[in-house]
C-alpha atoms as a PDB file:
ATOM      1  CA  MET A   1      23.018 -99.297 -85.820  1.00  0.00           C
ATOM      2  CA  GLY A   2      22.682-101.480 -88.932  1.00  0.00           C
ATOM      3  CA  LEU A   3      22.777-105.171 -89.648  1.00  0.00           C
ATOM      4  CA  ILE A   4      25.753-107.442 -89.249  1.00  0.00           C
ATOM      5  CA  TYR A   5      26.196-110.227 -91.801  1.00  0.00           C
ATOM      6  CA  LEU A   6      28.026-113.508 -91.882  1.00  0.00           C
ATOM      7  CA  ALA A   7      29.848-113.677 -95.223  1.00  0.00           C
ATOM      8  CA  LEU A   8      30.696-117.177 -96.440  1.00  0.00           C
ATOM      9  CA  TYR A   9      33.372-117.480 -99.121  1.00  0.00           C
ATOM     10  CA  LYS A  10      32.549-119.800-102.003  1.00  0.00           C
ATOM     11  CA  GLY A  11      35.037-118.451-104.546  1.00  0.00           C
ATOM     12  CA  LYS A  12      37.794-120.584-106.009  1.00  0.00           C
ATOM     13  CA  GLY A  13      40.531-119.140-103.808  1.00  0.00           C
ATOM     14  CA  ARG A  14      43.867-120.817-103.325  1.00  0.00           C
ATOM     15  CA  LEU A  15      45.035-124.312-102.449  1.00  0.00           C
ATOM     16  CA  PHE A  16      44.204-123.751 -98.761  1.00  0.00           C
ATOM     17  CA  ASN A  17      40.597-122.880 -99.720  1.00  0.00           C
ATOM     18  CA  ARG A  18      40.300-126.016-101.818  1.00  0.00           C
ATOM     19  CA  LEU A  19      41.660-128.166 -98.984  1.00  0.00           C
ATOM     20  CA  ILE A  20      39.136-126.723 -96.511  1.00  0.00           C
ATOM     21  CA  ARG A  21      36.260-127.333 -98.920  1.00  0.00           C
ATOM     22  CA  LEU A  22      37.475-130.876 -99.545  1.00  0.00           C
ATOM     23  CA  TRP A  23      37.863-131.596 -95.826  1.00  0.00           C
ATOM     24  CA  THR A  24      34.470-130.165 -94.820  1.00  0.00           C
ATOM     25  CA  GLY A  25      32.569-131.347 -97.900  1.00  0.00           C
ATOM     26  CA  SER A  26      31.218-127.833 -98.330  1.00  0.00           C
ATOM     27  CA  LYS A  27      31.301-125.090-100.926  1.00  0.00           C
ATOM     28  CA  TYR A  28      32.549-122.674 -98.224  1.00  0.00           C
ATOM     29  CA  SER A  29      36.180-122.239 -97.226  1.00  0.00           C
ATOM     30  CA  HIS A  30      36.272-118.971 -95.260  1.00  0.00           C
ATOM     31  CA  CYS A  31      33.979-116.662 -93.306  1.00  0.00           C
ATOM     32  CA  GLU A  32      33.872-113.033 -92.198  1.00  0.00           C
ATOM     33  CA  LEU A  33      31.618-110.808 -90.114  1.00  0.00           C
ATOM     34  CA  VAL A  34      30.552-107.768 -92.125  1.00  0.00           C
ATOM     35  CA  MET A  35      29.922-104.813 -89.855  1.00  0.00           C
ATOM     36  CA  PRO A  36      27.503-101.963 -90.608  1.00  0.00           C
ATOM     37  CA  ASP A  37      30.435 -99.556 -91.089  1.00  0.00           C
ATOM     38  CA  GLY A  38      31.789-101.678 -93.954  1.00  0.00           C
ATOM     39  CA  ARG A  39      34.584-103.440 -92.080  1.00  0.00           C
ATOM     40  CA  TRP A  40      34.949-107.187 -92.651  1.00  0.00           C
ATOM     41  CA  LEU A  41      36.270-108.821 -89.464  1.00  0.00           C
ATOM     42  CA  SER A  42      37.886-112.239 -89.374  1.00  0.00           C
ATOM     43  CA  ALA A  43      41.088-114.182 -88.984  1.00  0.00           C
ATOM     44  CA  SER A  44      42.794-114.816 -92.282  1.00  0.00           C
ATOM     45  CA  ALA A  45      45.713-117.094 -93.052  1.00  0.00           C
ATOM     46  CA  MET A  46      46.524-114.903 -96.081  1.00  0.00           C
ATOM     47  CA  ASP A  47      46.540-111.728 -93.958  1.00  0.00           C
ATOM     48  CA  GLY A  48      48.426-113.278 -91.027  1.00  0.00           C
ATOM     49  CA  GLY A  49      45.691-113.441 -88.402  1.00  0.00           C
ATOM     50  CA  VAL A  50      42.899-111.366 -86.892  1.00  0.00           C
ATOM     51  CA  ARG A  51      42.241-108.218 -88.888  1.00  0.00           C
ATOM     52  CA  ALA A  52      39.685-105.781 -90.243  1.00  0.00           C
ATOM     53  CA  LYS A  53      39.532-105.243 -93.975  1.00  0.00           C
ATOM     54  CA  ARG A  54      37.286-103.652 -96.556  1.00  0.00           C
ATOM     55  CA  ILE A  55      36.355-106.192 -99.208  1.00  0.00           C
ATOM     56  CA  GLU A  56      34.456-105.375-102.352  1.00  0.00           C
ATOM     57  CA  LEU A  57      31.437-107.650-102.298  1.00  0.00           C
ATOM     58  CA  ASN A  58      31.220-109.993-105.276  1.00  0.00           C
ATOM     59  CA  LEU A  59      28.116-112.164-104.877  1.00  0.00           C
ATOM     60  CA  ALA A  60      29.657-114.756-107.187  1.00  0.00           C
ATOM     61  CA  HIS A  61      32.244-115.347-104.437  1.00  0.00           C
ATOM     62  CA  TRP A  62      30.278-114.720-101.236  1.00  0.00           C
ATOM     63  CA  ASP A  63      26.976-115.714 -99.638  1.00  0.00           C
ATOM     64  CA  LEU A  64      25.636-113.314 -96.993  1.00  0.00           C
ATOM     65  CA  ILE A  65      23.437-114.204 -94.034  1.00  0.00           C
ATOM     66  CA  ALA A  66      21.908-111.362 -92.009  1.00  0.00           C
ATOM     67  CA  LEU A  67      22.433-111.636 -88.253  1.00  0.00           C
ATOM     68  CA  PRO A  68      19.771-109.393 -86.667  1.00  0.00           C
ATOM     69  CA  TRP A  69      20.512-110.913 -83.254  1.00  0.00           C
ATOM     70  CA  ALA A  70      24.296-110.324 -83.354  1.00  0.00           C
ATOM     71  CA  ASN A  71      25.716-108.150 -80.569  1.00  0.00           C
ATOM     72  CA  HIS A  72      27.837-105.244 -81.890  1.00  0.00           C
ATOM     73  CA  GLY A  73      29.519-104.734 -78.534  1.00  0.00           C
ATOM     74  CA  ARG A  74      30.558-108.374 -78.134  1.00  0.00           C
ATOM     75  CA  ILE A  75      31.950-108.527 -81.673  1.00  0.00           C
ATOM     76  CA  ASN A  76      33.912-105.285 -81.331  1.00  0.00           C
ATOM     77  CA  ALA A  77      35.271-106.282 -77.915  1.00  0.00           C
ATOM     78  CA  LEU A  78      36.538-109.627 -79.193  1.00  0.00           C
ATOM     79  CA  PHE A  79      38.029-107.951 -82.242  1.00  0.00           C
ATOM     80  CA  GLN A  80      39.854-105.344 -80.126  1.00  0.00           C
ATOM     81  CA  GLN A  81      41.141-108.091 -77.828  1.00  0.00           C
ATOM     82  CA  HIS A  82      42.573-110.158 -80.716  1.00  0.00           C
ATOM     83  CA  GLU A  83      43.353-107.636 -83.484  1.00  0.00           C
ATOM     84  CA  GLY A  84      46.811-108.230 -84.930  1.00  0.00           C
ATOM     85  CA  ARG A  85      47.241-111.610 -83.293  1.00  0.00           C
ATOM     86  CA  GLY A  86      48.341-114.461 -85.508  1.00  0.00           C
ATOM     87  CA  TYR A  87      46.397-117.150 -87.296  1.00  0.00           C
ATOM     88  CA  ASP A  88      45.616-120.253 -85.224  1.00  0.00           C
ATOM     89  CA  TRP A  89      47.378-122.937 -87.283  1.00  0.00           C
ATOM     90  CA  PRO A  90      47.534-125.402 -84.354  1.00  0.00           C
ATOM     91  CA  GLY A  91      43.798-124.834 -83.801  1.00  0.00           C
ATOM     92  CA  ILE A  92      43.048-125.791 -87.399  1.00  0.00           C
ATOM     93  CA  LEU A  93      45.101-128.957 -86.995  1.00  0.00           C
ATOM     94  CA  PHE A  94      43.930-130.048 -83.545  1.00  0.00           C
ATOM     95  CA  SER A  95      40.277-128.989 -83.583  1.00  0.00           C
ATOM     96  CA  GLN A  96      39.330-129.347 -87.237  1.00  0.00           C
ATOM     97  CA  ILE A  97      41.511-132.094 -88.692  1.00  0.00           C
ATOM     98  CA  LEU A  98      42.186-134.086 -85.517  1.00  0.00           C
ATOM     99  CA  PRO A  99      39.341-134.405 -82.979  1.00  0.00           C
ATOM    100  CA  ILE A 100      41.452-133.186 -80.055  1.00  0.00           C
ATOM    101  CA  ALA A 101      39.768-129.779 -79.553  1.00  0.00           C
ATOM    102  CA  ARG A 102      43.037-128.004 -78.759  1.00  0.00           C
ATOM    103  CA  HIS A 103      43.511-124.439 -79.872  1.00  0.00           C
ATOM    104  CA  SER A 104      45.299-121.220 -78.991  1.00  0.00           C
ATOM    105  CA  LYS A 105      43.578-118.872 -76.548  1.00  0.00           C
ATOM    106  CA  ARG A 106      45.269-115.881 -78.205  1.00  0.00           C
ATOM    107  CA  ARG A 107      45.129-116.750 -81.912  1.00  0.00           C
ATOM    108  CA  LYS A 108      42.056-117.492 -84.032  1.00  0.00           C
ATOM    109  CA  PHE A 109      41.114-119.020 -87.372  1.00  0.00           C
ATOM    110  CA  CYS A 110      38.210-117.560 -89.355  1.00  0.00           C
ATOM    111  CA  SER A 111      35.232-119.595 -88.174  1.00  0.00           C
ATOM    112  CA  GLU A 112      36.602-119.723 -84.624  1.00  0.00           C
ATOM    113  CA  PHE A 113      36.785-115.914 -84.556  1.00  0.00           C
ATOM    114  CA  CYS A 114      33.293-115.492 -86.008  1.00  0.00           C
ATOM    115  CA  ALA A 115      31.724-118.115 -83.712  1.00  0.00           C
ATOM    116  CA  ALA A 116      33.396-116.606 -80.631  1.00  0.00           C
ATOM    117  CA  ALA A 117      32.312-113.095 -81.661  1.00  0.00           C
ATOM    118  CA  LEU A 118      28.733-114.349 -81.977  1.00  0.00           C
ATOM    119  CA  GLY A 119      28.897-115.853 -78.481  1.00  0.00           C
ATOM    120  CA  PHE A 120      28.977-119.572 -79.335  1.00  0.00           C
ATOM    121  CA  GLU A 121      30.464-122.103 -76.938  1.00  0.00           C
ATOM    122  CA  GLN A 122      33.550-124.003 -78.125  1.00  0.00           C
ATOM    123  CA  PRO A 123      34.076-121.765 -81.167  1.00  0.00           C
ATOM    124  CA  GLN A 124      37.073-123.838 -82.274  1.00  0.00           C
ATOM    125  CA  ARG A 125      34.630-126.618 -83.239  1.00  0.00           C
ATOM    126  CA  PHE A 126      33.082-124.532 -86.031  1.00  0.00           C
ATOM    127  CA  ASN A 127      34.076-124.527 -89.681  1.00  0.00           C
ATOM    128  CA  PRO A 128      32.567-122.011 -92.131  1.00  0.00           C
ATOM    129  CA  ALA A 129      29.853-124.414 -93.357  1.00  0.00           C
ATOM    130  CA  LEU A 130      28.751-125.453 -89.870  1.00  0.00           C
ATOM    131  CA  LEU A 131      28.673-121.843 -88.714  1.00  0.00           C
ATOM    132  CA  GLY A 132      26.497-120.935 -91.706  1.00  0.00           C
ATOM    133  CA  GLU A 133      24.086-123.779 -90.904  1.00  0.00           C
ATOM    134  CA  VAL A 134      23.831-122.786 -87.234  1.00  0.00           C
ATOM    135  CA  VAL A 135      23.151-119.096 -87.880  1.00  0.00           C
ATOM    136  CA  GLN A 136      20.518-119.988 -90.483  1.00  0.00           C
ATOM    137  CA  ARG A 137      18.792-122.197 -87.900  1.00  0.00           C
ATOM    138  CA  ILE A 138      18.915-119.384 -85.351  1.00  0.00           C
ATOM    139  CA  ASN A 139      17.435-116.989 -87.915  1.00  0.00           C
ATOM    140  CA  ARG A 140      14.477-119.364 -88.412  1.00  0.00           C
ATOM    141  CA  LEU A 141      13.551-119.318 -84.720  1.00  0.00           C
ATOM    142  CA  PRO A 142      10.196-117.564 -84.236  1.00  0.00           C
ATOM    143  CA  PHE A 143      11.431-115.055 -81.649  1.00  0.00           C
ATOM    144  CA  VAL A 144      14.318-113.994 -83.924  1.00  0.00           C
ATOM    145  CA  GLN A 145      11.940-113.494 -86.841  1.00  0.00           C
ATOM    146  CA  LEU A 146       9.528-111.513 -84.652  1.00  0.00           C
ATOM    147  CA  GLY A 147      12.305-109.357 -83.230  1.00  0.00           C
ATOM    148  CA  HIS A 148      13.666-108.623 -86.679  1.00  0.00           C
ATOM    149  CA  SER A 149      10.225-107.680 -88.050  1.00  0.00           C
ATOM    150  CA  LEU A 150       9.671-105.318 -85.101  1.00  0.00           C
ATOM    151  CA  THR A 151      12.947-103.495 -85.747  1.00  0.00           C
ATOM    152  CA  GLU A 152      12.131-103.094 -89.451  1.00  0.00           C
ATOM    153  CA  GLY A 153       8.702-101.538 -88.806  1.00  0.00           C
END
């Protein structure tokens, strides 16, 4: 079936990217799930919400983390449920900037979409940097490493 990757954007971007990096204290301002078929799935403020896109990978702008434990079916189901729905601006405000944890059930922002697609609880609590840290910790778990080595052999 192929590996799924978390892509973390570290490129310069626009003002919104700079504000996210400043707020989170991270080099990352956006994230995507890269599917084996080449689709990049996320919610993008620039693209108006939840969408699939083909992005030419430039490693100067993106860091990739393999997700051997990611569930294709869960990701595709969430994407189909939310495709074309708008960007969750209130969610950014109330769950990222203000500690109120309010967000739209229908709309998503990038890290919320990716965290939900990966099956994490309270996905609105994640920003791109935190999501990257969590998936790297999961990847270091012994059973994940063993499972991945068994599928490669």
